[in-house]
Full PDB file with SEQRES, HELIX, SHEET, SSBOND, CRYST1, ORIGX, SCALE, CONECT and MASTER records, all heavy atoms in Angstrom:
SEQRES   1 A   38  HIS PHE ILE THR PHE GLU ARG LEU VAL PRO MET ASP SER          
SEQRES   2 A   38  LEU PRO ASP ILE LYS LYS THR THR ASN HIS LEU GLU GLY          
SEQRES   3 A   38  ARG LEU ALA SER PRO GLU GLY ASN ARG ARG VAL ASN              
HELIX    1 AA1 MET A   11  SER A   13  5                                   3    
HELIX    2 AA2 LEU A   14  ARG A   27  1                                  14    
CRYST1    1.000    1.000    1.000  90.00  90.00  90.00 P 1           1          
ORIGX1      1.000000  0.000000  0.000000        0.00000                         
ORIGX2      0.000000  1.000000  0.000000        0.00000                         
ORIGX3      0.000000  0.000000  1.000000        0.00000                         
SCALE1      1.000000  0.000000  0.000000        0.00000                         
SCALE2      0.000000  1.000000  0.000000        0.00000                         
SCALE3      0.000000  0.000000  1.000000        0.00000                         
ATOM      1  N   HIS A   1      82.054  72.101   2.781  1.00  0.00           N  
ATOM      2  CA  HIS A   1      80.823  71.540   3.265  1.00  0.00           C  
ATOM      3  C   HIS A   1      81.080  70.469   4.210  1.00  0.00           C  
ATOM      4  O   HIS A   1      81.989  69.649   4.095  1.00  0.00           O  
ATOM      5  CB  HIS A   1      79.950  70.942   2.115  1.00  0.00           C  
ATOM      6  CG  HIS A   1      79.559  71.867   1.032  1.00  0.00           C  
ATOM      7  ND1 HIS A   1      78.450  72.732   1.206  1.00  0.00           N  
ATOM      8  CD2 HIS A   1      80.147  72.222  -0.103  1.00  0.00           C  
ATOM      9  CE1 HIS A   1      78.397  73.456   0.096  1.00  0.00           C  
ATOM     10  NE2 HIS A   1      79.429  73.164  -0.765  1.00  0.00           N  
ATOM     11  N   PHE A   2      80.308  70.481   5.275  1.00  0.00           N  
ATOM     12  CA  PHE A   2      80.402  69.419   6.318  1.00  0.00           C  
ATOM     13  C   PHE A   2      79.196  68.568   6.113  1.00  0.00           C  
ATOM     14  O   PHE A   2      78.073  69.015   6.050  1.00  0.00           O  
ATOM     15  CB  PHE A   2      80.449  69.963   7.681  1.00  0.00           C  
ATOM     16  CG  PHE A   2      81.767  70.548   8.092  1.00  0.00           C  
ATOM     17  CD1 PHE A   2      82.052  71.841   7.871  1.00  0.00           C  
ATOM     18  CD2 PHE A   2      82.786  69.785   8.633  1.00  0.00           C  
ATOM     19  CE1 PHE A   2      83.266  72.426   8.185  1.00  0.00           C  
ATOM     20  CE2 PHE A   2      83.963  70.284   9.009  1.00  0.00           C  
ATOM     21  CZ  PHE A   2      84.226  71.596   8.804  1.00  0.00           C  
ATOM     22  N   ILE A   3      79.389  67.243   5.911  1.00  0.00           N  
ATOM     23  CA  ILE A   3      78.263  66.362   5.682  1.00  0.00           C  
ATOM     24  C   ILE A   3      78.266  65.347   6.826  1.00  0.00           C  
ATOM     25  O   ILE A   3      79.321  64.733   7.082  1.00  0.00           O  
ATOM     26  CB  ILE A   3      78.406  65.650   4.300  1.00  0.00           C  
ATOM     27  CG1 ILE A   3      78.400  66.737   3.171  1.00  0.00           C  
ATOM     28  CG2 ILE A   3      77.279  64.611   4.069  1.00  0.00           C  
ATOM     29  CD1 ILE A   3      78.687  66.148   1.819  1.00  0.00           C  
ATOM     30  N   THR A   4      77.186  65.061   7.367  1.00  0.00           N  
ATOM     31  CA  THR A   4      77.007  64.134   8.444  1.00  0.00           C  
ATOM     32  C   THR A   4      76.102  62.933   8.033  1.00  0.00           C  
ATOM     33  O   THR A   4      75.259  63.187   7.118  1.00  0.00           O  
ATOM     34  CB  THR A   4      76.528  64.630   9.749  1.00  0.00           C  
ATOM     35  OG1 THR A   4      75.170  65.212   9.527  1.00  0.00           O  
ATOM     36  CG2 THR A   4      77.447  65.825  10.197  1.00  0.00           C  
ATOM     37  N   PHE A   5      76.273  61.805   8.708  1.00  0.00           N  
ATOM     38  CA  PHE A   5      75.393  60.752   8.351  1.00  0.00           C  
ATOM     39  C   PHE A   5      74.770  60.120   9.660  1.00  0.00           C  
ATOM     40  O   PHE A   5      75.344  60.275  10.762  1.00  0.00           O  
ATOM     41  CB  PHE A   5      76.234  59.568   7.712  1.00  0.00           C  
ATOM     42  CG  PHE A   5      76.852  59.976   6.473  1.00  0.00           C  
ATOM     43  CD1 PHE A   5      78.086  60.611   6.339  1.00  0.00           C  
ATOM     44  CD2 PHE A   5      76.211  59.864   5.195  1.00  0.00           C  
ATOM     45  CE1 PHE A   5      78.702  61.034   5.218  1.00  0.00           C  
ATOM     46  CE2 PHE A   5      76.786  60.248   4.118  1.00  0.00           C  
ATOM     47  CZ  PHE A   5      78.054  60.862   4.014  1.00  0.00           C  
ATOM     48  N   GLU A   6      73.561  59.592   9.544  1.00  0.00           N  
ATOM     49  CA  GLU A   6      72.926  59.067  10.641  1.00  0.00           C  
ATOM     50  C   GLU A   6      73.481  57.835  11.262  1.00  0.00           C  
ATOM     51  O   GLU A   6      73.664  57.793  12.430  1.00  0.00           O  
ATOM     52  CB  GLU A   6      71.495  58.811  10.257  1.00  0.00           C  
ATOM     53  CG  GLU A   6      70.584  58.377  11.480  1.00  0.00           C  
ATOM     54  CD  GLU A   6      69.093  58.296  11.010  1.00  0.00           C  
ATOM     55  OE1 GLU A   6      68.657  58.799  10.095  1.00  0.00           O  
ATOM     56  OE2 GLU A   6      68.332  57.576  11.769  1.00  0.00           O  
ATOM     57  N   ARG A   7      73.938  56.980  10.394  1.00  0.00           N  
ATOM     58  CA  ARG A   7      74.505  55.680  10.843  1.00  0.00           C  
ATOM     59  C   ARG A   7      75.917  55.916  11.369  1.00  0.00           C  
ATOM     60  O   ARG A   7      76.800  56.518  10.691  1.00  0.00           O  
ATOM     61  CB  ARG A   7      74.562  54.708   9.711  1.00  0.00           C  
ATOM     62  CG  ARG A   7      75.117  53.317  10.138  1.00  0.00           C  
ATOM     63  CD  ARG A   7      75.036  52.293   9.055  1.00  0.00           C  
ATOM     64  NE  ARG A   7      75.823  52.597   7.886  1.00  0.00           N  
ATOM     65  CZ  ARG A   7      77.068  52.148   7.752  1.00  0.00           C  
ATOM     66  NH1 ARG A   7      77.690  51.488   8.689  1.00  0.00           N  
ATOM     67  NH2 ARG A   7      77.741  52.506   6.696  1.00  0.00           N  
ATOM     68  N   LEU A   8      76.205  55.442  12.594  1.00  0.00           N  
ATOM     69  CA  LEU A   8      77.566  55.620  13.187  1.00  0.00           C  
ATOM     70  C   LEU A   8      78.437  54.413  12.805  1.00  0.00           C  
ATOM     71  O   LEU A   8      77.963  53.350  12.547  1.00  0.00           O  
ATOM     72  CB  LEU A   8      77.475  55.708  14.741  1.00  0.00           C  
ATOM     73  CG  LEU A   8      76.614  56.834  15.190  1.00  0.00           C  
ATOM     74  CD1 LEU A   8      76.575  56.764  16.773  1.00  0.00           C  
ATOM     75  CD2 LEU A   8      77.216  58.272  14.790  1.00  0.00           C  
ATOM     76  N   VAL A   9      79.761  54.662  12.621  1.00  0.00           N  
ATOM     77  CA  VAL A   9      80.706  53.639  12.290  1.00  0.00           C  
ATOM     78  C   VAL A   9      81.785  53.694  13.399  1.00  0.00           C  
ATOM     79  O   VAL A   9      82.076  54.719  13.995  1.00  0.00           O  
ATOM     80  CB  VAL A   9      81.293  53.731  10.887  1.00  0.00           C  
ATOM     81  CG1 VAL A   9      80.211  53.656   9.870  1.00  0.00           C  
ATOM     82  CG2 VAL A   9      81.967  55.077  10.743  1.00  0.00           C  
ATOM     83  N   PRO A  10      82.510  52.590  13.567  1.00  0.00           N  
ATOM     84  CA  PRO A  10      83.547  52.450  14.509  1.00  0.00           C  
ATOM     85  C   PRO A  10      84.709  53.498  14.195  1.00  0.00           C  
ATOM     86  O   PRO A  10      85.068  53.653  13.021  1.00  0.00           O  
ATOM     87  CB  PRO A  10      83.964  51.068  14.496  1.00  0.00           C  
ATOM     88  CG  PRO A  10      82.973  50.320  13.876  1.00  0.00           C  
ATOM     89  CD  PRO A  10      82.220  51.217  12.985  1.00  0.00           C  
ATOM     90  N   MET A  11      85.258  54.163  15.175  1.00  0.00           N  
ATOM     91  CA  MET A  11      86.348  55.063  14.936  1.00  0.00           C  
ATOM     92  C   MET A  11      87.548  54.452  14.208  1.00  0.00           C  
ATOM     93  O   MET A  11      88.217  55.062  13.458  1.00  0.00           O  
ATOM     94  CB  MET A  11      86.825  55.826  16.260  1.00  0.00           C  
ATOM     95  CG  MET A  11      85.853  56.661  16.834  1.00  0.00           C  
ATOM     96  SD  MET A  11      86.403  57.636  18.351  1.00  0.00           S  
ATOM     97  CE  MET A  11      86.358  56.246  19.514  1.00  0.00           C  
ATOM     98  N   ASP A  12      87.773  53.093  14.587  1.00  0.00           N  
ATOM     99  CA  ASP A  12      88.936  52.490  13.972  1.00  0.00           C  
ATOM    100  C   ASP A  12      88.830  52.103  12.527  1.00  0.00           C  
ATOM    101  O   ASP A  12      89.715  51.688  11.908  1.00  0.00           O  
ATOM    102  CB  ASP A  12      89.378  51.282  14.769  1.00  0.00           C  
ATOM    103  CG  ASP A  12      88.348  50.175  14.808  1.00  0.00           C  
ATOM    104  OD1 ASP A  12      87.241  50.370  14.294  1.00  0.00           O  
ATOM    105  OD2 ASP A  12      88.616  49.173  15.536  1.00  0.00           O  
ATOM    106  N   SER A  13      87.643  52.481  11.953  1.00  0.00           N  
ATOM    107  CA  SER A  13      87.387  52.234  10.485  1.00  0.00           C  
ATOM    108  C   SER A  13      87.875  53.446   9.674  1.00  0.00           C  
ATOM    109  O   SER A  13      87.823  53.371   8.405  1.00  0.00           O  
ATOM    110  CB  SER A  13      85.941  51.833  10.259  1.00  0.00           C  
ATOM    111  OG  SER A  13      85.072  52.903  10.556  1.00  0.00           O  
ATOM    112  N   LEU A  14      88.276  54.492  10.325  1.00  0.00           N  
ATOM    113  CA  LEU A  14      88.651  55.745   9.661  1.00  0.00           C  
ATOM    114  C   LEU A  14      89.756  55.546   8.596  1.00  0.00           C  
ATOM    115  O   LEU A  14      89.633  56.074   7.521  1.00  0.00           O  
ATOM    116  CB  LEU A  14      88.989  56.817  10.638  1.00  0.00           C  
ATOM    117  CG  LEU A  14      89.222  58.239  10.145  1.00  0.00           C  
ATOM    118  CD1 LEU A  14      88.030  58.738   9.299  1.00  0.00           C  
ATOM    119  CD2 LEU A  14      89.540  59.209  11.193  1.00  0.00           C  
ATOM    120  N   PRO A  15      90.858  54.836   8.897  1.00  0.00           N  
ATOM    121  CA  PRO A  15      91.877  54.640   7.809  1.00  0.00           C  
ATOM    122  C   PRO A  15      91.294  53.938   6.603  1.00  0.00           C  
ATOM    123  O   PRO A  15      91.668  54.406   5.420  1.00  0.00           O  
ATOM    124  CB  PRO A  15      92.982  53.821   8.498  1.00  0.00           C  
ATOM    125  CG  PRO A  15      92.733  53.987   9.943  1.00  0.00           C  
ATOM    126  CD  PRO A  15      91.207  54.256  10.177  1.00  0.00           C  
ATOM    127  N   ASP A  16      90.392  53.021   6.744  1.00  0.00           N  
ATOM    128  CA  ASP A  16      89.834  52.298   5.528  1.00  0.00           C  
ATOM    129  C   ASP A  16      88.946  53.271   4.779  1.00  0.00           C  
ATOM    130  O   ASP A  16      88.880  53.263   3.534  1.00  0.00           O  
ATOM    131  CB  ASP A  16      89.075  51.076   5.920  1.00  0.00           C  
ATOM    132  CG  ASP A  16      90.047  49.992   6.523  1.00  0.00           C  
ATOM    133  OD1 ASP A  16      91.098  49.891   6.023  1.00  0.00           O  
ATOM    134  OD2 ASP A  16      89.588  49.352   7.494  1.00  0.00           O  
ATOM    135  N   ILE A  17      88.188  54.043   5.552  1.00  0.00           N  
ATOM    136  CA  ILE A  17      87.306  55.063   4.873  1.00  0.00           C  
ATOM    137  C   ILE A  17      88.097  56.041   4.110  1.00  0.00           C  
ATOM    138  O   ILE A  17      87.784  56.436   2.980  1.00  0.00           O  
ATOM    139  CB  ILE A  17      86.383  55.660   5.953  1.00  0.00           C  
ATOM    140  CG1 ILE A  17      85.450  54.616   6.504  1.00  0.00           C  
ATOM    141  CG2 ILE A  17      85.582  56.820   5.316  1.00  0.00           C  
ATOM    142  CD1 ILE A  17      84.574  55.142   7.680  1.00  0.00           C  
ATOM    143  N   LYS A  18      89.222  56.504   4.618  1.00  0.00           N  
ATOM    144  CA  LYS A  18      90.065  57.527   3.983  1.00  0.00           C  
ATOM    145  C   LYS A  18      90.635  56.942   2.766  1.00  0.00           C  
ATOM    146  O   LYS A  18      90.749  57.580   1.646  1.00  0.00           O  
ATOM    147  CB  LYS A  18      91.244  57.889   4.949  1.00  0.00           C  
ATOM    148  CG  LYS A  18      92.171  58.962   4.294  1.00  0.00           C  
ATOM    149  CD  LYS A  18      91.422  60.247   3.843  1.00  0.00           C  
ATOM    150  CE  LYS A  18      92.443  61.195   3.264  1.00  0.00           C  
ATOM    151  NZ  LYS A  18      91.706  62.332   2.648  1.00  0.00           N  
ATOM    152  N   LYS A  19      91.057  55.639   2.693  1.00  0.00           N  
ATOM    153  CA  LYS A  19      91.551  55.080   1.444  1.00  0.00           C  
ATOM    154  C   LYS A  19      90.422  54.975   0.419  1.00  0.00           C  
ATOM    155  O   LYS A  19      90.671  55.252  -0.713  1.00  0.00           O  
ATOM    156  CB  LYS A  19      91.976  53.638   1.752  1.00  0.00           C  
ATOM    157  CG  LYS A  19      93.320  53.533   2.540  1.00  0.00           C  
ATOM    158  CD  LYS A  19      93.809  52.106   2.662  1.00  0.00           C  
ATOM    159  CE  LYS A  19      95.068  52.038   3.446  1.00  0.00           C  
ATOM    160  NZ  LYS A  19      95.469  50.673   3.664  1.00  0.00           N  
ATOM    161  N   THR A  20      89.168  54.757   0.797  1.00  0.00           N  
ATOM    162  CA  THR A  20      88.111  54.693  -0.137  1.00  0.00           C  
ATOM    163  C   THR A  20      87.848  56.099  -0.695  1.00  0.00           C  
ATOM    164  O   THR A  20      87.648  56.346  -1.927  1.00  0.00           O  
ATOM    165  CB  THR A  20      86.817  54.221   0.595  1.00  0.00           C  
ATOM    166  OG1 THR A  20      87.065  52.940   1.033  1.00  0.00           O  
ATOM    167  CG2 THR A  20      85.708  54.291  -0.405  1.00  0.00           C  
ATOM    168  N   THR A  21      87.946  57.158   0.175  1.00  0.00           N  
ATOM    169  CA  THR A  21      87.717  58.542  -0.336  1.00  0.00           C  
ATOM    170  C   THR A  21      88.832  58.991  -1.261  1.00  0.00           C  
ATOM    171  O   THR A  21      88.636  59.712  -2.208  1.00  0.00           O  
ATOM    172  CB  THR A  21      87.494  59.537   0.862  1.00  0.00           C  
ATOM    173  OG1 THR A  21      88.693  59.577   1.665  1.00  0.00           O  
ATOM    174  CG2 THR A  21      86.287  59.216   1.603  1.00  0.00           C  
ATOM    175  N   ASN A  22      90.103  58.489  -0.928  1.00  0.00           N  
ATOM    176  CA  ASN A  22      91.166  58.820  -1.872  1.00  0.00           C  
ATOM    177  C   ASN A  22      90.941  58.285  -3.258  1.00  0.00           C  
ATOM    178  O   ASN A  22      91.192  58.949  -4.266  1.00  0.00           O  
ATOM    179  CB  ASN A  22      92.484  58.288  -1.283  1.00  0.00           C  
ATOM    180  CG  ASN A  22      93.130  59.121  -0.206  1.00  0.00           C  
ATOM    181  OD1 ASN A  22      92.541  60.174   0.106  1.00  0.00           O  
ATOM    182  ND2 ASN A  22      94.106  58.637   0.431  1.00  0.00           N  
ATOM    183  N   HIS A  23      90.400  57.094  -3.291  1.00  0.00           N  
ATOM    184  CA  HIS A  23      90.116  56.415  -4.643  1.00  0.00           C  
ATOM    185  C   HIS A  23      89.013  57.262  -5.302  1.00  0.00           C  
ATOM    186  O   HIS A  23      89.098  57.455  -6.566  1.00  0.00           O  
ATOM    187  CB  HIS A  23      89.664  55.033  -4.458  1.00  0.00           C  
ATOM    188  CG  HIS A  23      90.835  54.072  -4.228  1.00  0.00           C  
ATOM    189  ND1 HIS A  23      91.818  53.791  -5.065  1.00  0.00           N  
ATOM    190  CD2 HIS A  23      91.193  53.392  -3.088  1.00  0.00           C  
ATOM    191  CE1 HIS A  23      92.711  53.007  -4.578  1.00  0.00           C  
ATOM    192  NE2 HIS A  23      92.358  52.661  -3.324  1.00  0.00           N  
ATOM    193  N   LEU A  24      88.004  57.631  -4.548  1.00  0.00           N  
ATOM    194  CA  LEU A  24      86.901  58.465  -5.125  1.00  0.00           C  
ATOM    195  C   LEU A  24      87.413  59.837  -5.709  1.00  0.00           C  
ATOM    196  O   LEU A  24      87.070  60.175  -6.685  1.00  0.00           O  
ATOM    197  CB  LEU A  24      85.837  58.656  -4.034  1.00  0.00           C  
ATOM    198  CG  LEU A  24      84.614  59.427  -4.504  1.00  0.00           C  
ATOM    199  CD1 LEU A  24      83.899  58.802  -5.670  1.00  0.00           C  
ATOM    200  CD2 LEU A  24      83.663  59.641  -3.295  1.00  0.00           C  
ATOM    201  N   GLU A  25      88.369  60.402  -4.894  1.00  0.00           N  
ATOM    202  CA  GLU A  25      88.909  61.710  -5.379  1.00  0.00           C  
ATOM    203  C   GLU A  25      89.617  61.439  -6.681  1.00  0.00           C  
ATOM    204  O   GLU A  25      89.577  62.327  -7.635  1.00  0.00           O  
ATOM    205  CB  GLU A  25      89.890  62.245  -4.363  1.00  0.00           C  
ATOM    206  CG  GLU A  25      89.281  62.782  -3.202  1.00  0.00           C  
ATOM    207  CD  GLU A  25      90.284  63.258  -2.144  1.00  0.00           C  
ATOM    208  OE1 GLU A  25      91.505  63.144  -2.397  1.00  0.00           O  
ATOM    209  OE2 GLU A  25      89.914  63.705  -0.996  1.00  0.00           O  
ATOM    210  N   GLY A  26      90.354  60.389  -6.856  1.00  0.00           N  
ATOM    211  CA  GLY A  26      91.030  60.077  -8.072  1.00  0.00           C  
ATOM    212  C   GLY A  26      90.115  59.864  -9.266  1.00  0.00           C  
ATOM    213  O   GLY A  26      90.353  60.248 -10.355  1.00  0.00           O  
ATOM    214  N   ARG A  27      88.919  59.163  -8.989  1.00  0.00           N  
ATOM    215  CA  ARG A  27      87.949  58.906 -10.047  1.00  0.00           C  
ATOM    216  C   ARG A  27      87.238  60.153 -10.434  1.00  0.00           C  
ATOM    217  O   ARG A  27      86.927  60.275 -11.649  1.00  0.00           O  
ATOM    218  CB  ARG A  27      86.904  57.931  -9.564  1.00  0.00           C  
ATOM    219  CG  ARG A  27      87.440  56.449  -9.486  1.00  0.00           C  
ATOM    220  CD  ARG A  27      86.395  55.585  -8.949  1.00  0.00           C  
ATOM    221  NE  ARG A  27      85.177  55.634  -9.710  1.00  0.00           N  
ATOM    222  CZ  ARG A  27      83.954  55.402  -9.218  1.00  0.00           C  
ATOM    223  NH1 ARG A  27      83.815  55.007  -7.969  1.00  0.00           N  
ATOM    224  NH2 ARG A  27      82.926  55.472 -10.002  1.00  0.00           N  
ATOM    225  N   LEU A  28      87.181  61.154  -9.585  1.00  0.00           N  
ATOM    226  CA  LEU A  28      86.565  62.460  -9.900  1.00  0.00           C  
ATOM    227  C   LEU A  28      87.526  63.560 -10.470  1.00  0.00           C  
ATOM    228  O   LEU A  28      87.139  64.602 -10.708  1.00  0.00           O  
ATOM    229  CB  LEU A  28      85.872  63.004  -8.718  1.00  0.00           C  
ATOM    230  CG  LEU A  28      84.656  62.146  -8.126  1.00  0.00           C  
ATOM    231  CD1 LEU A  28      84.151  62.724  -6.895  1.00  0.00           C  
ATOM    232  CD2 LEU A  28      83.516  62.040  -9.170  1.00  0.00           C  
ATOM    233  N   ALA A  29      88.753  63.118 -10.519  1.00  0.00           N  
ATOM    234  CA  ALA A  29      89.780  64.073 -10.983  1.00  0.00           C  
ATOM    235  C   ALA A  29      89.508  64.499 -12.459  1.00  0.00           C  
ATOM    236  O   ALA A  29      88.911  63.770 -13.213  1.00  0.00           O  
ATOM    237  CB  ALA A  29      91.214  63.511 -10.896  1.00  0.00           C  
ATOM    238  N   SER A  30      90.137  65.638 -12.867  1.00  0.00           N  
ATOM    239  CA  SER A  30      90.014  66.087 -14.273  1.00  0.00           C  
ATOM    240  C   SER A  30      90.766  65.013 -15.210  1.00  0.00           C  
ATOM    241  O   SER A  30      91.648  64.249 -14.734  1.00  0.00           O  
ATOM    242  CB  SER A  30      90.637  67.490 -14.359  1.00  0.00           C  
ATOM    243  OG  SER A  30      92.011  67.439 -14.218  1.00  0.00           O  
ATOM    244  N   PRO A  31      90.575  65.109 -16.456  1.00  0.00           N  
ATOM    245  CA  PRO A  31      91.327  64.314 -17.364  1.00  0.00           C  
ATOM    246  C   PRO A  31      92.743  64.476 -17.238  1.00  0.00           C  
ATOM    247  O   PRO A  31      93.595  63.512 -17.472  1.00  0.00           O  
ATOM    248  CB  PRO A  31      90.814  64.726 -18.703  1.00  0.00           C  
ATOM    249  CG  PRO A  31      89.427  65.181 -18.460  1.00  0.00           C  
ATOM    250  CD  PRO A  31      89.533  65.908 -17.149  1.00  0.00           C  
ATOM    251  N   GLU A  32      93.243  65.622 -16.872  1.00  0.00           N  
ATOM    252  CA  GLU A  32      94.689  65.840 -16.645  1.00  0.00           C  
ATOM    253  C   GLU A  32      95.195  65.353 -15.270  1.00  0.00           C  
ATOM    254  O   GLU A  32      96.422  65.424 -15.064  1.00  0.00           O  
ATOM    255  CB  GLU A  32      94.992  67.355 -16.745  1.00  0.00           C  
ATOM    256  CG  GLU A  32      94.620  68.052 -18.028  1.00  0.00           C  
ATOM    257  CD  GLU A  32      93.165  68.372 -18.284  1.00  0.00           C  
ATOM    258  OE1 GLU A  32      92.490  68.485 -17.151  1.00  0.00           O  
ATOM    259  OE2 GLU A  32      92.728  68.403 -19.422  1.00  0.00           O  
ATOM    260  N   GLY A  33      94.292  64.817 -14.531  1.00  0.00           N  
ATOM    261  CA  GLY A  33      94.679  64.234 -13.193  1.00  0.00           C  
ATOM    262  C   GLY A  33      94.614  65.181 -12.120  1.00  0.00           C  
ATOM    263  O   GLY A  33      94.994  64.926 -10.990  1.00  0.00           O  
ATOM    264  N   ASN A  34      94.175  66.413 -12.294  1.00  0.00           N  
ATOM    265  CA  ASN A  34      94.006  67.451 -11.303  1.00  0.00           C  
ATOM    266  C   ASN A  34      92.804  67.084 -10.353  1.00  0.00           C  
ATOM    267  O   ASN A  34      91.704  66.790 -10.874  1.00  0.00           O  
ATOM    268  CB  ASN A  34      93.864  68.839 -11.765  1.00  0.00           C  
ATOM    269  CG  ASN A  34      95.032  69.299 -12.543  1.00  0.00           C  
ATOM    270  OD1 ASN A  34      96.249  68.984 -12.165  1.00  0.00           O  
ATOM    271  ND2 ASN A  34      94.849  69.960 -13.631  1.00  0.00           N  
ATOM    272  N   ARG A  35      93.017  67.152  -9.063  1.00  0.00           N  
ATOM    273  CA  ARG A  35      91.947  66.898  -8.126  1.00  0.00           C  
ATOM    274  C   ARG A  35      90.921  67.988  -8.154  1.00  0.00           C  
ATOM    275  O   ARG A  35      91.186  69.151  -8.088  1.00  0.00           O  
ATOM    276  CB  ARG A  35      92.509  66.686  -6.734  1.00  0.00           C  
ATOM    277  CG  ARG A  35      91.565  66.202  -5.710  1.00  0.00           C  
ATOM    278  CD  ARG A  35      92.288  65.754  -4.466  1.00  0.00           C  
ATOM    279  NE  ARG A  35      92.990  66.912  -3.963  1.00  0.00           N  
ATOM    280  CZ  ARG A  35      93.443  66.980  -2.641  1.00  0.00           C  
ATOM    281  NH1 ARG A  35      93.205  66.031  -1.893  1.00  0.00           N  
ATOM    282  NH2 ARG A  35      94.066  68.031  -2.237  1.00  0.00           N  
ATOM    283  N   ARG A  36      89.572  67.588  -8.281  1.00  0.00           N  
ATOM    284  CA  ARG A  36      88.489  68.622  -8.169  1.00  0.00           C  
ATOM    285  C   ARG A  36      87.812  68.571  -6.894  1.00  0.00           C  
ATOM    286  O   ARG A  36      87.064  69.518  -6.688  1.00  0.00           O  
ATOM    287  CB  ARG A  36      87.601  68.255  -9.416  1.00  0.00           C  
ATOM    288  CG  ARG A  36      88.187  68.483 -10.747  1.00  0.00           C  
ATOM    289  CD  ARG A  36      87.121  68.520 -11.827  1.00  0.00           C  
ATOM    290  NE  ARG A  36      87.059  67.166 -12.418  1.00  0.00           N  
ATOM    291  CZ  ARG A  36      86.402  66.860 -13.546  1.00  0.00           C  
ATOM    292  NH1 ARG A  36      85.709  67.858 -14.195  1.00  0.00           N  
ATOM    293  NH2 ARG A  36      86.398  65.764 -14.033  1.00  0.00           N  
ATOM    294  N   VAL A  37      87.871  67.513  -6.119  1.00  0.00           N  
ATOM    295  CA  VAL A  37      87.271  67.420  -4.793  1.00  0.00           C  
ATOM    296  C   VAL A  37      88.296  66.902  -3.805  1.00  0.00           C  
ATOM    297  O   VAL A  37      89.283  66.305  -4.160  1.00  0.00           O  
ATOM    298  CB  VAL A  37      86.062  66.469  -4.780  1.00  0.00           C  
ATOM    299  CG1 VAL A  37      84.977  66.984  -5.663  1.00  0.00           C  
ATOM    300  CG2 VAL A  37      86.448  65.061  -5.122  1.00  0.00           C  
ATOM    301  N   ASN A  38      88.153  67.449  -2.582  1.00  0.00           N  
ATOM    302  CA  ASN A  38      88.975  66.939  -1.501  1.00  0.00           C  
ATOM    303  C   ASN A  38      88.027  66.471  -0.363  1.00  0.00           C  
ATOM    304  O   ASN A  38      87.299  67.192   0.176  1.00  0.00           O  
ATOM    305  CB  ASN A  38      89.831  68.094  -0.926  1.00  0.00           C  
ATOM    306  CG  ASN A  38      90.723  67.706   0.170  1.00  0.00           C  
ATOM    307  OD1 ASN A  38      90.947  66.552   0.321  1.00  0.00           O  
ATOM    308  ND2 ASN A  38      91.003  68.654   1.058  1.00  0.00           N  
TER     309      ASN A  38                                                      
MASTER        0    0    0    2    0    0    0    6  308    1    0    3          
END                                                                             
């Protein structure tokens, strides 16, 4: 799925956003630690 947002953010904020999504992926992982979303 491609999801877009109306509010634009600076391109140089992408590394910080990626760190946030990595943490979210970890929180959504299975109890065994397997990733369920990317």
